[in-house]
Amino acid sequence: MTRLAPSDADGTHPAVRQRDAALRFLSHDARSSASAILGLIELARLRSPAAAPDAALLHAIEDAARDGLARSDAFLALARAESRALRIETVDLAALLQQAVDGAWQPAGRQGLALRMGDAPAAAPVRSDRALLTAALDDLLTGLIASASPGGEIECELGSDPATRGWRLSMHDPRPLRPRAPDAFRLARTATARLGAELSIDGHTVALTLPTHKE
């Protein structure tokens, strides 16, 4: 009979730690290359206009490097969402939504989009895994930004959901959306399934419903 090595003090199996270390290494390696490209672009832009490469070419290279960084982050986040042990605690969904919106401000600006916080309570306590829920919100905004038309506006709202007696978080773009990639929102789908939450994607709106937590 094959015997597994005992778990570490925190309950994590050594094989899981080795896999996570390999994922971090691959992600870091990919990020290093893309970060180096972005650094060279900034140096080129600081040179005199006469010596600088074509602006359109720099922009295309920059977009490719940023896409590489995003894909690396998404790969690592998805691997973690699929396998890591959940750490359930009371978290503030309203604060996490605001954090996600703040983090997506610059990527949205580069796409010519505006982000707006609509109605939301001062606090929205839920029992959930903070890291996994944060990853789901980030993935939803990233997916909407990628498929939104330039000049549009994405509005985020949070309120009570009478049907489930929980919280309903929605992100909405009233303008026509470009076709989404086949794997769009894959991380969000994986995370919400593990958290027991409900995710709906209907045309211009994505909505996440979670149970409330009452002390």
N, C-alpha and C. Protein backbone atom coordinates (compact mmCIF):
# COMPACT_ATOMS: atom_id res chain seq x y z
N MET A 1 0.85 -1.20 0.00
CA MET A 1 0.00 0.00 0.00
C MET A 1 0.88 1.25 0.00
N THR A 2 0.55 2.20 -0.85
CA THR A 2 1.30 3.45 -0.91
C THR A 2 0.90 4.34 0.25
N ARG A 3 1.90 4.84 0.96
CA ARG A 3 1.63 5.70 2.10
C ARG A 3 1.93 7.15 1.73
N LEU A 4 1.01 8.03 2.07
CA LEU A 4 1.21 9.45 1.81
C LEU A 4 2.01 10.07 2.93
N ALA A 5 2.81 11.05 2.57
CA ALA A 5 3.56 11.76 3.60
C ALA A 5 2.60 12.51 4.49
N PRO A 6 2.92 12.62 5.77
CA PRO A 6 2.01 13.32 6.69
C PRO A 6 1.85 14.77 6.31
N SER A 7 0.73 15.35 6.71
CA SER A 7 0.48 16.76 6.43
C SER A 7 1.35 17.63 7.30
N ASP A 8 1.59 18.87 6.84
CA ASP A 8 2.35 19.82 7.63
C ASP A 8 1.51 20.29 8.81
N ALA A 9 2.11 21.11 9.64
CA ALA A 9 1.44 21.56 10.86
C ALA A 9 0.14 22.29 10.56
N ASP A 10 0.07 22.98 9.41
CA ASP A 10 -1.14 23.73 9.09
C ASP A 10 -2.18 22.90 8.35
N GLY A 11 -1.91 21.57 8.21
CA GLY A 11 -2.89 20.70 7.56
C GLY A 11 -2.71 20.57 6.07
N THR A 12 -1.72 21.24 5.50
CA THR A 12 -1.49 21.19 4.05
C THR A 12 -0.56 20.03 3.71
N HIS A 13 -0.97 19.21 2.76
CA HIS A 13 -0.16 18.08 2.35
C HIS A 13 1.08 18.58 1.60
N PRO A 14 2.27 17.96 1.81
CA PRO A 14 3.48 18.40 1.11
C PRO A 14 3.34 18.43 -0.40
N ALA A 15 2.58 17.48 -0.98
CA ALA A 15 2.41 17.46 -2.43
C ALA A 15 1.68 18.71 -2.91
N VAL A 16 0.72 19.16 -2.10
CA VAL A 16 -0.01 20.37 -2.44
C VAL A 16 0.90 21.57 -2.37
N ARG A 17 1.76 21.60 -1.36
CA ARG A 17 2.73 22.70 -1.24
C ARG A 17 3.68 22.72 -2.43
N GLN A 18 4.11 21.55 -2.87
CA GLN A 18 5.02 21.49 -4.02
C GLN A 18 4.34 21.98 -5.28
N ARG A 19 3.07 21.59 -5.46
CA ARG A 19 2.32 22.05 -6.63
C ARG A 19 2.15 23.57 -6.61
N ASP A 20 1.80 24.11 -5.44
CA ASP A 20 1.62 25.55 -5.32
C ASP A 20 2.92 26.29 -5.59
N ALA A 21 4.04 25.71 -5.12
CA ALA A 21 5.33 26.34 -5.36
C ALA A 21 5.66 26.36 -6.85
N ALA A 22 5.33 25.26 -7.54
CA ALA A 22 5.57 25.20 -8.99
C ALA A 22 4.71 26.22 -9.73
N LEU A 23 3.46 26.36 -9.30
CA LEU A 23 2.57 27.34 -9.94
C LEU A 23 3.10 28.76 -9.72
N ARG A 24 3.56 29.04 -8.51
CA ARG A 24 4.10 30.38 -8.24
C ARG A 24 5.33 30.65 -9.09
N PHE A 25 6.16 29.62 -9.27
CA PHE A 25 7.37 29.79 -10.08
C PHE A 25 7.01 30.09 -11.53
N LEU A 26 6.06 29.31 -12.10
CA LEU A 26 5.65 29.53 -13.48
C LEU A 26 5.04 30.91 -13.65
N SER A 27 4.20 31.30 -12.70
CA SER A 27 3.57 32.61 -12.77
C SER A 27 4.61 33.72 -12.67
N HIS A 28 5.56 33.56 -11.76
CA HIS A 28 6.60 34.59 -11.59
C HIS A 28 7.46 34.69 -12.85
N ASP A 29 7.76 33.56 -13.46
CA ASP A 29 8.58 33.56 -14.67
C ASP A 29 7.88 34.31 -15.80
N ALA A 30 6.58 34.05 -15.96
CA ALA A 30 5.82 34.74 -17.02
C ALA A 30 5.70 36.23 -16.72
N ARG A 31 5.47 36.57 -15.47
CA ARG A 31 5.32 37.97 -15.09
C ARG A 31 6.63 38.73 -15.29
N SER A 32 7.76 38.08 -15.01
CA SER A 32 9.05 38.75 -15.15
C SER A 32 9.30 39.19 -16.57
N SER A 33 8.99 38.33 -17.54
CA SER A 33 9.19 38.68 -18.94
C SER A 33 8.30 39.85 -19.35
N ALA A 34 7.03 39.78 -18.98
CA ALA A 34 6.10 40.85 -19.35
C ALA A 34 6.47 42.16 -18.66
N SER A 35 6.89 42.09 -17.40
CA SER A 35 7.29 43.29 -16.67
C SER A 35 8.52 43.93 -17.29
N ALA A 36 9.45 43.11 -17.76
CA ALA A 36 10.64 43.64 -18.41
C ALA A 36 10.27 44.38 -19.69
N ILE A 37 9.32 43.84 -20.46
CA ILE A 37 8.87 44.49 -21.69
C ILE A 37 8.26 45.85 -21.37
N LEU A 38 7.41 45.89 -20.34
CA LEU A 38 6.78 47.15 -19.96
C LEU A 38 7.82 48.18 -19.51
N GLY A 39 8.86 47.72 -18.81
CA GLY A 39 9.92 48.63 -18.40
C GLY A 39 10.67 49.22 -19.58
N LEU A 40 10.95 48.41 -20.59
CA LEU A 40 11.63 48.90 -21.79
C LEU A 40 10.76 49.90 -22.55
N ILE A 41 9.46 49.66 -22.56
CA ILE A 41 8.54 50.60 -23.22
C ILE A 41 8.59 51.96 -22.55
N GLU A 42 8.57 51.96 -21.21
CA GLU A 42 8.63 53.23 -20.49
C GLU A 42 9.93 53.97 -20.77
N LEU A 43 11.05 53.23 -20.85
CA LEU A 43 12.32 53.86 -21.17
C LEU A 43 12.30 54.48 -22.57
N ALA A 44 11.68 53.74 -23.51
CA ALA A 44 11.60 54.26 -24.88
C ALA A 44 10.78 55.54 -24.93
N ARG A 45 9.74 55.62 -24.15
CA ARG A 45 8.89 56.81 -24.15
C ARG A 45 9.56 58.01 -23.51
N LEU A 46 10.55 57.75 -22.67
CA LEU A 46 11.26 58.84 -22.03
C LEU A 46 12.32 59.45 -22.94
N ARG A 47 12.66 58.74 -24.00
CA ARG A 47 13.64 59.26 -24.95
C ARG A 47 13.02 60.38 -25.78
N SER A 48 13.83 61.08 -26.55
CA SER A 48 13.32 62.17 -27.38
C SER A 48 12.36 61.62 -28.43
N PRO A 49 11.32 62.36 -28.77
CA PRO A 49 10.34 61.87 -29.74
C PRO A 49 10.97 61.44 -31.06
N ALA A 50 12.04 62.10 -31.46
CA ALA A 50 12.66 61.77 -32.75
C ALA A 50 13.29 60.38 -32.72
N ALA A 51 13.78 59.96 -31.52
CA ALA A 51 14.45 58.68 -31.43
C ALA A 51 13.52 57.56 -30.98
N ALA A 52 12.35 57.92 -30.49
CA ALA A 52 11.43 56.92 -29.97
C ALA A 52 10.80 56.11 -31.10
N PRO A 53 10.53 54.81 -30.86
CA PRO A 53 9.85 54.00 -31.87
C PRO A 53 8.42 54.49 -32.12
N ASP A 54 7.82 53.95 -33.13
CA ASP A 54 6.46 54.34 -33.49
C ASP A 54 5.52 54.14 -32.30
N ALA A 55 4.70 55.15 -32.00
CA ALA A 55 3.82 55.11 -30.84
C ALA A 55 2.82 53.96 -30.93
N ALA A 56 2.28 53.70 -32.12
CA ALA A 56 1.31 52.63 -32.29
C ALA A 56 1.94 51.27 -32.00
N LEU A 57 3.21 51.11 -32.40
CA LEU A 57 3.91 49.85 -32.15
C LEU A 57 4.12 49.67 -30.65
N LEU A 58 4.53 50.75 -29.97
CA LEU A 58 4.71 50.67 -28.52
C LEU A 58 3.40 50.29 -27.83
N HIS A 59 2.32 50.88 -28.30
CA HIS A 59 1.03 50.60 -27.69
C HIS A 59 0.65 49.13 -27.88
N ALA A 60 0.91 48.59 -29.06
CA ALA A 60 0.59 47.19 -29.33
C ALA A 60 1.42 46.26 -28.45
N ILE A 61 2.72 46.59 -28.31
CA ILE A 61 3.59 45.76 -27.46
C ILE A 61 3.14 45.84 -26.00
N GLU A 62 2.78 47.05 -25.58
CA GLU A 62 2.31 47.23 -24.20
C GLU A 62 1.05 46.41 -23.93
N ASP A 63 0.11 46.42 -24.86
CA ASP A 63 -1.12 45.65 -24.69
C ASP A 63 -0.81 44.16 -24.59
N ALA A 64 0.14 43.68 -25.42
CA ALA A 64 0.49 42.26 -25.39
C ALA A 64 1.13 41.88 -24.06
N ALA A 65 1.98 42.78 -23.54
CA ALA A 65 2.65 42.50 -22.26
C ALA A 65 1.63 42.49 -21.11
N ARG A 66 0.72 43.45 -21.13
CA ARG A 66 -0.30 43.50 -20.06
C ARG A 66 -1.22 42.28 -20.15
N ASP A 67 -1.53 41.85 -21.35
CA ASP A 67 -2.35 40.66 -21.52
C ASP A 67 -1.63 39.44 -20.96
N GLY A 68 -0.31 39.37 -21.17
CA GLY A 68 0.47 38.26 -20.61
C GLY A 68 0.44 38.26 -19.09
N LEU A 69 0.56 39.44 -18.49
CA LEU A 69 0.48 39.55 -17.03
C LEU A 69 -0.89 39.10 -16.54
N ALA A 70 -1.93 39.54 -17.21
CA ALA A 70 -3.29 39.19 -16.79
C ALA A 70 -3.53 37.69 -16.90
N ARG A 71 -3.05 37.08 -17.99
CA ARG A 71 -3.23 35.64 -18.17
C ARG A 71 -2.46 34.86 -17.11
N SER A 72 -1.27 35.33 -16.76
CA SER A 72 -0.48 34.66 -15.73
C SER A 72 -1.19 34.71 -14.39
N ASP A 73 -1.71 35.89 -14.05
CA ASP A 73 -2.44 36.03 -12.79
C ASP A 73 -3.70 35.16 -12.78
N ALA A 74 -4.41 35.13 -13.91
CA ALA A 74 -5.64 34.35 -14.00
C ALA A 74 -5.36 32.86 -13.88
N PHE A 75 -4.27 32.40 -14.47
CA PHE A 75 -3.89 31.00 -14.40
C PHE A 75 -3.63 30.58 -12.95
N LEU A 76 -2.87 31.38 -12.25
CA LEU A 76 -2.55 31.07 -10.86
C LEU A 76 -3.80 31.14 -9.98
N ALA A 77 -4.63 32.16 -10.20
CA ALA A 77 -5.84 32.30 -9.39
C ALA A 77 -6.81 31.14 -9.63
N LEU A 78 -6.93 30.68 -10.87
CA LEU A 78 -7.83 29.57 -11.17
C LEU A 78 -7.35 28.29 -10.51
N ALA A 79 -6.03 28.04 -10.58
CA ALA A 79 -5.48 26.84 -9.95
C ALA A 79 -5.74 26.84 -8.45
N ARG A 80 -5.59 28.00 -7.84
CA ARG A 80 -5.86 28.10 -6.41
C ARG A 80 -7.34 27.93 -6.10
N ALA A 81 -8.19 28.51 -6.94
CA ALA A 81 -9.64 28.42 -6.71
C ALA A 81 -10.13 26.98 -6.80
N GLU A 82 -9.50 26.19 -7.65
CA GLU A 82 -9.93 24.82 -7.85
C GLU A 82 -9.48 23.88 -6.73
N SER A 83 -8.40 24.22 -6.04
CA SER A 83 -7.81 23.22 -5.15
C SER A 83 -7.56 23.65 -3.71
N ARG A 84 -7.42 24.94 -3.43
CA ARG A 84 -7.04 25.33 -2.08
C ARG A 84 -8.18 25.11 -1.09
N ALA A 85 -7.81 24.83 0.15
CA ALA A 85 -8.80 24.66 1.20
C ALA A 85 -9.48 26.00 1.49
N LEU A 86 -10.79 25.95 1.72
CA LEU A 86 -11.52 27.18 2.01
C LEU A 86 -11.23 27.66 3.43
N ARG A 87 -11.18 28.97 3.59
CA ARG A 87 -11.00 29.58 4.90
C ARG A 87 -12.20 30.52 5.13
N ILE A 88 -13.24 29.99 5.70
CA ILE A 88 -14.48 30.73 5.85
C ILE A 88 -14.40 31.67 7.06
N GLU A 89 -14.77 32.90 6.81
CA GLU A 89 -14.79 33.92 7.86
C GLU A 89 -15.85 34.95 7.49
N THR A 90 -16.14 35.86 8.40
CA THR A 90 -17.07 36.94 8.10
C THR A 90 -16.33 38.04 7.36
N VAL A 91 -16.79 38.36 6.16
CA VAL A 91 -16.16 39.40 5.35
C VAL A 91 -17.21 40.40 4.93
N ASP A 92 -16.77 41.59 4.58
CA ASP A 92 -17.66 42.67 4.16
C ASP A 92 -17.72 42.72 2.64
N LEU A 93 -18.83 42.26 2.07
CA LEU A 93 -18.97 42.22 0.61
C LEU A 93 -18.94 43.62 0.01
N ALA A 94 -19.48 44.61 0.72
CA ALA A 94 -19.47 45.98 0.21
C ALA A 94 -18.04 46.49 0.07
N ALA A 95 -17.20 46.20 1.06
CA ALA A 95 -15.80 46.64 1.01
C ALA A 95 -15.05 45.91 -0.10
N LEU A 96 -15.32 44.63 -0.28
CA LEU A 96 -14.64 43.87 -1.34
C LEU A 96 -15.04 44.37 -2.72
N LEU A 97 -16.31 44.75 -2.88
CA LEU A 97 -16.76 45.30 -4.17
C LEU A 97 -16.05 46.62 -4.46
N GLN A 98 -15.98 47.49 -3.46
CA GLN A 98 -15.30 48.77 -3.66
C GLN A 98 -13.83 48.55 -3.99
N GLN A 99 -13.21 47.58 -3.34
CA GLN A 99 -11.81 47.25 -3.61
C GLN A 99 -11.64 46.77 -5.05
N ALA A 100 -12.57 45.93 -5.53
CA ALA A 100 -12.49 45.43 -6.90
C ALA A 100 -12.65 46.56 -7.91
N VAL A 101 -13.58 47.48 -7.64
CA VAL A 101 -13.79 48.62 -8.53
C VAL A 101 -12.54 49.51 -8.56
N ASP A 102 -11.96 49.77 -7.40
CA ASP A 102 -10.74 50.59 -7.36
C ASP A 102 -9.61 49.94 -8.15
N GLY A 103 -9.49 48.60 -8.02
CA GLY A 103 -8.42 47.91 -8.73
C GLY A 103 -8.61 47.86 -10.24
N ALA A 104 -9.87 47.96 -10.69
CA ALA A 104 -10.16 47.88 -12.12
C ALA A 104 -10.21 49.25 -12.79
N TRP A 105 -9.99 50.31 -12.02
CA TRP A 105 -10.13 51.66 -12.55
C TRP A 105 -9.17 51.92 -13.73
N GLN A 106 -7.91 51.61 -13.54
CA GLN A 106 -6.93 51.88 -14.60
C GLN A 106 -7.15 50.98 -15.83
N PRO A 107 -7.34 49.65 -15.67
CA PRO A 107 -7.63 48.83 -16.85
C PRO A 107 -8.85 49.31 -17.62
N ALA A 108 -9.88 49.75 -16.90
CA ALA A 108 -11.08 50.26 -17.58
C ALA A 108 -10.75 51.54 -18.35
N GLY A 109 -9.95 52.42 -17.74
CA GLY A 109 -9.56 53.65 -18.40
C GLY A 109 -8.80 53.41 -19.69
N ARG A 110 -7.94 52.40 -19.68
CA ARG A 110 -7.19 52.08 -20.89
C ARG A 110 -8.11 51.59 -22.01
N GLN A 111 -9.27 51.06 -21.64
CA GLN A 111 -10.25 50.60 -22.63
C GLN A 111 -11.25 51.69 -22.99
N GLY A 112 -11.07 52.89 -22.42
CA GLY A 112 -11.99 53.97 -22.69
C GLY A 112 -13.32 53.79 -22.00
N LEU A 113 -13.30 53.11 -20.82
CA LEU A 113 -14.53 52.83 -20.09
C LEU A 113 -14.56 53.59 -18.76
N ALA A 114 -15.75 53.81 -18.25
CA ALA A 114 -15.92 54.41 -16.93
C ALA A 114 -16.50 53.37 -15.99
N LEU A 115 -16.08 53.40 -14.74
CA LEU A 115 -16.62 52.53 -13.70
C LEU A 115 -17.37 53.40 -12.70
N ARG A 116 -18.54 52.93 -12.27
CA ARG A 116 -19.30 53.72 -11.32
C ARG A 116 -19.91 52.83 -10.25
N MET A 117 -19.80 53.26 -9.00
CA MET A 117 -20.46 52.57 -7.89
C MET A 117 -21.86 53.13 -7.75
N GLY A 118 -22.86 52.26 -7.87
CA GLY A 118 -24.24 52.66 -7.68
C GLY A 118 -24.65 52.47 -6.23
N ASP A 119 -25.89 52.09 -6.02
CA ASP A 119 -26.39 51.88 -4.66
C ASP A 119 -25.66 50.73 -3.97
N ALA A 120 -25.32 50.93 -2.72
CA ALA A 120 -24.66 49.90 -1.92
C ALA A 120 -24.78 50.27 -0.45
N PRO A 121 -24.95 49.28 0.42
CA PRO A 121 -25.02 49.57 1.85
C PRO A 121 -23.64 49.91 2.40
N ALA A 122 -23.61 50.47 3.58
CA ALA A 122 -22.33 50.79 4.21
C ALA A 122 -21.54 49.53 4.51
N ALA A 123 -22.23 48.44 4.82
CA ALA A 123 -21.57 47.16 5.09
C ALA A 123 -22.50 46.03 4.68
N ALA A 124 -21.92 44.92 4.24
CA ALA A 124 -22.70 43.76 3.81
C ALA A 124 -21.98 42.49 4.26
N PRO A 125 -22.17 42.07 5.51
CA PRO A 125 -21.44 40.91 6.03
C PRO A 125 -21.91 39.60 5.40
N VAL A 126 -20.95 38.76 5.04
CA VAL A 126 -21.23 37.42 4.52
C VAL A 126 -20.20 36.46 5.12
N ARG A 127 -20.59 35.19 5.18
CA ARG A 127 -19.65 34.15 5.58
C ARG A 127 -19.07 33.57 4.30
N SER A 128 -17.77 33.78 4.07
CA SER A 128 -17.17 33.35 2.81
C SER A 128 -15.66 33.27 2.94
N ASP A 129 -15.03 32.85 1.87
CA ASP A 129 -13.58 32.83 1.79
C ASP A 129 -13.14 34.14 1.14
N ARG A 130 -12.42 34.97 1.88
CA ARG A 130 -12.06 36.30 1.40
C ARG A 130 -11.30 36.26 0.08
N ALA A 131 -10.26 35.43 0.00
CA ALA A 131 -9.43 35.39 -1.20
C ALA A 131 -10.22 34.92 -2.41
N LEU A 132 -11.05 33.89 -2.21
CA LEU A 132 -11.80 33.33 -3.34
C LEU A 132 -12.88 34.30 -3.81
N LEU A 133 -13.54 34.95 -2.86
CA LEU A 133 -14.57 35.92 -3.23
C LEU A 133 -13.96 37.13 -3.93
N THR A 134 -12.81 37.57 -3.46
CA THR A 134 -12.11 38.67 -4.11
C THR A 134 -11.73 38.31 -5.54
N ALA A 135 -11.24 37.09 -5.74
CA ALA A 135 -10.86 36.63 -7.08
C ALA A 135 -12.07 36.59 -8.01
N ALA A 136 -13.22 36.18 -7.47
CA ALA A 136 -14.43 36.12 -8.29
C ALA A 136 -14.86 37.51 -8.74
N LEU A 137 -14.85 38.49 -7.83
CA LEU A 137 -15.24 39.85 -8.18
C LEU A 137 -14.29 40.45 -9.21
N ASP A 138 -12.99 40.23 -9.01
CA ASP A 138 -12.01 40.74 -9.97
C ASP A 138 -12.22 40.14 -11.35
N ASP A 139 -12.52 38.84 -11.40
CA ASP A 139 -12.71 38.16 -12.68
C ASP A 139 -13.96 38.66 -13.39
N LEU A 140 -15.03 38.93 -12.62
CA LEU A 140 -16.25 39.45 -13.24
C LEU A 140 -16.01 40.81 -13.87
N LEU A 141 -15.32 41.70 -13.15
CA LEU A 141 -15.03 43.03 -13.70
C LEU A 141 -14.09 42.93 -14.90
N THR A 142 -13.08 42.08 -14.80
CA THR A 142 -12.14 41.91 -15.91
C THR A 142 -12.86 41.43 -17.16
N GLY A 143 -13.77 40.47 -16.99
CA GLY A 143 -14.51 39.95 -18.13
C GLY A 143 -15.42 40.99 -18.75
N LEU A 144 -16.08 41.80 -17.93
CA LEU A 144 -16.94 42.85 -18.47
C LEU A 144 -16.12 43.91 -19.19
N ILE A 145 -15.00 44.29 -18.61
CA ILE A 145 -14.14 45.30 -19.25
C ILE A 145 -13.65 44.81 -20.60
N ALA A 146 -13.30 43.52 -20.68
CA ALA A 146 -12.78 42.96 -21.93
C ALA A 146 -13.83 42.93 -23.03
N SER A 147 -15.11 42.81 -22.66
CA SER A 147 -16.15 42.70 -23.68
C SER A 147 -16.95 43.99 -23.87
N ALA A 148 -16.66 45.02 -23.07
CA ALA A 148 -17.39 46.27 -23.19
C ALA A 148 -16.90 47.10 -24.37
N SER A 149 -17.79 47.89 -24.93
CA SER A 149 -17.43 48.77 -26.04
C SER A 149 -16.81 50.06 -25.51
N PRO A 150 -15.78 50.59 -26.17
CA PRO A 150 -15.16 51.84 -25.72
C PRO A 150 -16.21 52.95 -25.59
N GLY A 151 -16.06 53.75 -24.55
CA GLY A 151 -17.00 54.82 -24.31
C GLY A 151 -18.16 54.43 -23.40
N GLY A 152 -18.19 53.18 -23.00
CA GLY A 152 -19.27 52.70 -22.16
C GLY A 152 -19.02 52.95 -20.68
N GLU A 153 -19.96 52.54 -19.87
CA GLU A 153 -19.87 52.71 -18.42
C GLU A 153 -20.39 51.46 -17.74
N ILE A 154 -19.60 50.92 -16.84
CA ILE A 154 -20.00 49.75 -16.06
C ILE A 154 -20.42 50.21 -14.68
N GLU A 155 -21.65 49.89 -14.30
CA GLU A 155 -22.16 50.29 -13.00
C GLU A 155 -22.26 49.08 -12.07
N CYS A 156 -21.75 49.23 -10.86
CA CYS A 156 -21.77 48.15 -9.88
C CYS A 156 -22.73 48.52 -8.75
N GLU A 157 -23.59 47.59 -8.37
CA GLU A 157 -24.55 47.83 -7.32
C GLU A 157 -24.60 46.64 -6.37
N LEU A 158 -25.03 46.91 -5.14
CA LEU A 158 -25.15 45.86 -4.13
C LEU A 158 -26.37 46.17 -3.28
N GLY A 159 -27.22 45.16 -3.11
CA GLY A 159 -28.42 45.36 -2.29
C GLY A 159 -28.96 44.03 -1.81
N SER A 160 -30.00 44.08 -1.01
CA SER A 160 -30.61 42.86 -0.48
C SER A 160 -31.39 42.15 -1.57
N ASP A 161 -31.46 40.83 -1.45
CA ASP A 161 -32.18 40.01 -2.42
C ASP A 161 -33.34 39.32 -1.70
N PRO A 162 -34.59 39.80 -1.86
CA PRO A 162 -35.73 39.24 -1.12
C PRO A 162 -35.93 37.75 -1.37
N ALA A 163 -35.62 37.29 -2.58
CA ALA A 163 -35.88 35.90 -2.92
C ALA A 163 -35.04 34.94 -2.08
N THR A 164 -33.80 35.31 -1.81
CA THR A 164 -32.90 34.44 -1.06
C THR A 164 -32.58 34.95 0.34
N ARG A 165 -33.09 36.16 0.65
CA ARG A 165 -32.76 36.81 1.91
C ARG A 165 -31.25 36.97 2.06
N GLY A 166 -30.61 37.23 0.93
CA GLY A 166 -29.17 37.42 0.92
C GLY A 166 -28.82 38.73 0.24
N TRP A 167 -27.58 38.82 -0.21
CA TRP A 167 -27.10 40.00 -0.93
C TRP A 167 -27.05 39.70 -2.42
N ARG A 168 -27.40 40.69 -3.22
CA ARG A 168 -27.28 40.56 -4.68
C ARG A 168 -26.36 41.65 -5.18
N LEU A 169 -25.26 41.23 -5.78
CA LEU A 169 -24.27 42.15 -6.34
C LEU A 169 -24.37 42.07 -7.86
N SER A 170 -24.50 43.21 -8.51
CA SER A 170 -24.63 43.21 -9.97
C SER A 170 -23.65 44.18 -10.61
N MET A 171 -23.21 43.83 -11.81
CA MET A 171 -22.36 44.68 -12.64
C MET A 171 -23.04 44.77 -14.00
N HIS A 172 -23.28 45.98 -14.46
CA HIS A 172 -24.12 46.19 -15.64
C HIS A 172 -23.50 47.20 -16.60
N ASP A 173 -23.54 46.86 -17.89
CA ASP A 173 -23.13 47.78 -18.95
C ASP A 173 -24.29 47.90 -19.93
N PRO A 174 -24.91 49.06 -20.06
CA PRO A 174 -26.08 49.19 -20.93
C PRO A 174 -25.76 49.15 -22.42
N ARG A 175 -24.49 49.33 -22.77
CA ARG A 175 -24.13 49.36 -24.19
C ARG A 175 -23.93 47.94 -24.72
N PRO A 176 -23.99 47.76 -26.06
CA PRO A 176 -23.75 46.44 -26.64
C PRO A 176 -22.37 45.92 -26.26
N LEU A 177 -22.28 44.63 -25.94
CA LEU A 177 -21.02 44.02 -25.56
C LEU A 177 -20.44 43.23 -26.73
N ARG A 178 -19.11 43.22 -26.81
CA ARG A 178 -18.45 42.39 -27.81
C ARG A 178 -18.54 40.93 -27.38
N PRO A 179 -18.40 39.97 -28.32
CA PRO A 179 -18.46 38.55 -27.96
C PRO A 179 -17.39 38.23 -26.91
N ARG A 180 -17.76 37.43 -25.94
CA ARG A 180 -16.83 37.04 -24.89
C ARG A 180 -16.06 35.79 -25.30
N ALA A 181 -14.85 35.64 -24.77
CA ALA A 181 -14.06 34.44 -25.02
C ALA A 181 -14.78 33.24 -24.40
N PRO A 182 -14.55 32.03 -24.96
CA PRO A 182 -15.25 30.84 -24.44
C PRO A 182 -15.00 30.60 -22.95
N ASP A 183 -13.81 31.00 -22.47
CA ASP A 183 -13.49 30.76 -21.05
C ASP A 183 -13.74 31.99 -20.18
N ALA A 184 -14.52 32.95 -20.68
CA ALA A 184 -14.80 34.16 -19.90
C ALA A 184 -15.51 33.78 -18.60
N PHE A 185 -15.12 34.43 -17.52
CA PHE A 185 -15.70 34.21 -16.19
C PHE A 185 -15.46 32.80 -15.65
N ARG A 186 -14.49 32.10 -16.19
CA ARG A 186 -14.24 30.73 -15.70
C ARG A 186 -13.84 30.74 -14.24
N LEU A 187 -12.97 31.68 -13.87
CA LEU A 187 -12.54 31.78 -12.48
C LEU A 187 -13.73 32.10 -11.58
N ALA A 188 -14.56 33.06 -12.00
CA ALA A 188 -15.71 33.44 -11.19
C ALA A 188 -16.68 32.28 -11.03
N ARG A 189 -16.90 31.52 -12.09
CA ARG A 189 -17.79 30.36 -12.01
C ARG A 189 -17.24 29.32 -11.03
N THR A 190 -15.94 29.07 -11.12
CA THR A 190 -15.32 28.09 -10.23
C THR A 190 -15.39 28.54 -8.78
N ALA A 191 -15.07 29.81 -8.54
CA ALA A 191 -15.07 30.33 -7.17
C ALA A 191 -16.47 30.32 -6.57
N THR A 192 -17.47 30.79 -7.31
CA THR A 192 -18.81 30.85 -6.76
C THR A 192 -19.39 29.45 -6.51
N ALA A 193 -19.04 28.50 -7.36
CA ALA A 193 -19.51 27.13 -7.15
C ALA A 193 -18.95 26.57 -5.85
N ARG A 194 -17.68 26.84 -5.59
CA ARG A 194 -17.07 26.35 -4.36
C ARG A 194 -17.63 27.06 -3.13
N LEU A 195 -18.05 28.30 -3.30
CA LEU A 195 -18.55 29.08 -2.17
C LEU A 195 -20.05 28.88 -1.94
N GLY A 196 -20.70 28.12 -2.81
CA GLY A 196 -22.13 27.91 -2.65
C GLY A 196 -22.95 29.13 -3.02
N ALA A 197 -22.37 30.04 -3.79
CA ALA A 197 -23.07 31.25 -4.22
C ALA A 197 -23.73 31.00 -5.58
N GLU A 198 -24.55 31.93 -6.02
CA GLU A 198 -25.23 31.83 -7.31
C GLU A 198 -24.72 32.92 -8.24
N LEU A 199 -24.34 32.52 -9.45
CA LEU A 199 -23.84 33.46 -10.44
C LEU A 199 -24.73 33.39 -11.68
N SER A 200 -25.22 34.54 -12.12
CA SER A 200 -26.02 34.59 -13.35
C SER A 200 -25.39 35.59 -14.31
N ILE A 201 -25.37 35.23 -15.57
CA ILE A 201 -24.81 36.08 -16.62
C ILE A 201 -25.88 36.22 -17.69
N ASP A 202 -26.46 37.41 -17.79
CA ASP A 202 -27.59 37.62 -18.66
C ASP A 202 -27.38 38.88 -19.50
N GLY A 203 -26.92 38.68 -20.71
CA GLY A 203 -26.73 39.83 -21.60
C GLY A 203 -25.74 40.83 -21.07
N HIS A 204 -26.23 41.99 -20.67
CA HIS A 204 -25.38 43.08 -20.24
C HIS A 204 -25.06 43.04 -18.74
N THR A 205 -25.62 42.07 -18.02
CA THR A 205 -25.50 42.07 -16.56
C THR A 205 -24.95 40.76 -16.04
N VAL A 206 -24.03 40.84 -15.09
CA VAL A 206 -23.61 39.67 -14.31
C VAL A 206 -24.03 39.94 -12.87
N ALA A 207 -24.55 38.93 -12.22
CA ALA A 207 -25.06 39.10 -10.85
C ALA A 207 -24.60 37.94 -9.98
N LEU A 208 -24.23 38.28 -8.76
CA LEU A 208 -23.76 37.31 -7.79
C LEU A 208 -24.64 37.42 -6.54
N THR A 209 -25.18 36.29 -6.10
CA THR A 209 -26.05 36.27 -4.92
C THR A 209 -25.43 35.41 -3.84
N LEU A 210 -25.32 35.97 -2.63
CA LEU A 210 -24.75 35.27 -1.49
C LEU A 210 -25.67 35.42 -0.28
N PRO A 211 -25.65 34.42 0.61
CA PRO A 211 -26.47 34.54 1.83
C PRO A 211 -25.90 35.59 2.76
N THR A 212 -26.76 36.22 3.54
CA THR A 212 -26.30 37.18 4.52
C THR A 212 -25.74 36.45 5.74
N HIS A 213 -25.05 37.20 6.54
CA HIS A 213 -24.56 36.64 7.80
C HIS A 213 -25.08 37.53 8.93
N LYS A 214 -25.82 36.95 9.83
CA LYS A 214 -26.35 37.71 10.96
C LYS A 214 -25.68 37.23 12.23
N GLU A 215 -25.22 38.20 13.02
CA GLU A 215 -24.57 37.86 14.29
C GLU A 215 -25.59 37.23 15.25
